[in-house]
């Protein structure tokens, strides 16, 4: 077969000396299970977020819910597309030469792997930035962070992720079939060209940067909420902020645990290929990253105010200790929360509040 000379089959060189093997029946079974669980979980999370969005359409929480819905929808399509291609590859006995002679399927698979990998990380960092602005600059957030602006941000994030995914294709660099013959990605074997190293480092650096931004913004948000709580005696209107920051912390924790091995592995390959990891290590890191799309929706399913309230009651009943005050979880509007945060940060407003009783007594 003389197809190895064809540019469309450039990725088939890795098929000759494969050092990584996977059990077909077990791999197909787990691929189907992961895809099914991911689709059901993300569908349930979308239903919960859409219901919450209808309640808070005109309030500050709407922007957070829009971004969260975009994240869950991205994870859902990631499971649908990547999972379907993976099951097809396993079902076809990983015979890429038979069904991918023009390398189209591998290119589509590689583009989807990059896009559905980076896009959730970007959205997680944007959500953290949005909450940081909402807590530290509530007036600016209430006037500038409208649904229209959030939708534009979602579109820009998706377009940027698409551009990164299409970059090798635009540079006439085909995505490569990996050593396990089950997925396609940037070239990770015998990386000698600077451009191949650049793609690996770009993917890794962008992912790690998104995690770092999420960590920093969530830290600032959490510290600000605690400062406002201790400075002000009013407790109304904070439950939504605390609910969202708990969800963001959970998303950041899941993303760091699931994505760090894969991102660090790709960065090491890009920096020094001679010390690159084995195929089994890369495959394990990839499966860890896949778990991120399964666990993300459960953050919104489990870490809701109603669920947390019930967990608190159960914990309090088991431990018999008053850990937190239930008044924190009382229903209240975001408007009161913004007023409290604005008053606590504004010295002029505090002076007006102190002078108000004097004027009333004078009357």
Foldseek 3Di string as FASTA:
>chain_A
DPLCPPLLCVQCPLVPDFPDEDDLVVQLVVLVVLLVLLLVLLVVLLVLLVVVCVVQVLALCNLLSVLLNLLSVLLNVLSVVLSVLLNVCSVVVLPCVVPRSRNPSQLVQALSVQLSLLLNLQSLLVSLVLLLCCQQPVVCSSVPVHPVVSVVVSVVSSVVSSCLSCVCVVVVHHWHQDSHSRHTYQDLPPDDDLVSLVSLLVSLVSSVVSLVSLVVSLVSSVVSVVVLPVQDVDQPQCLVSVLSSQLSVVLSVLQCQLQVQLSVQSNVSSVPVVPHDDPVSNVVSVVSNSVSSSCSSVSSVQSDLVNVVVVQVVVCVVVVDDDDDCVNSDDDGNVVVSVSSVCSVDPVNVVVVVCVVVVVVVD
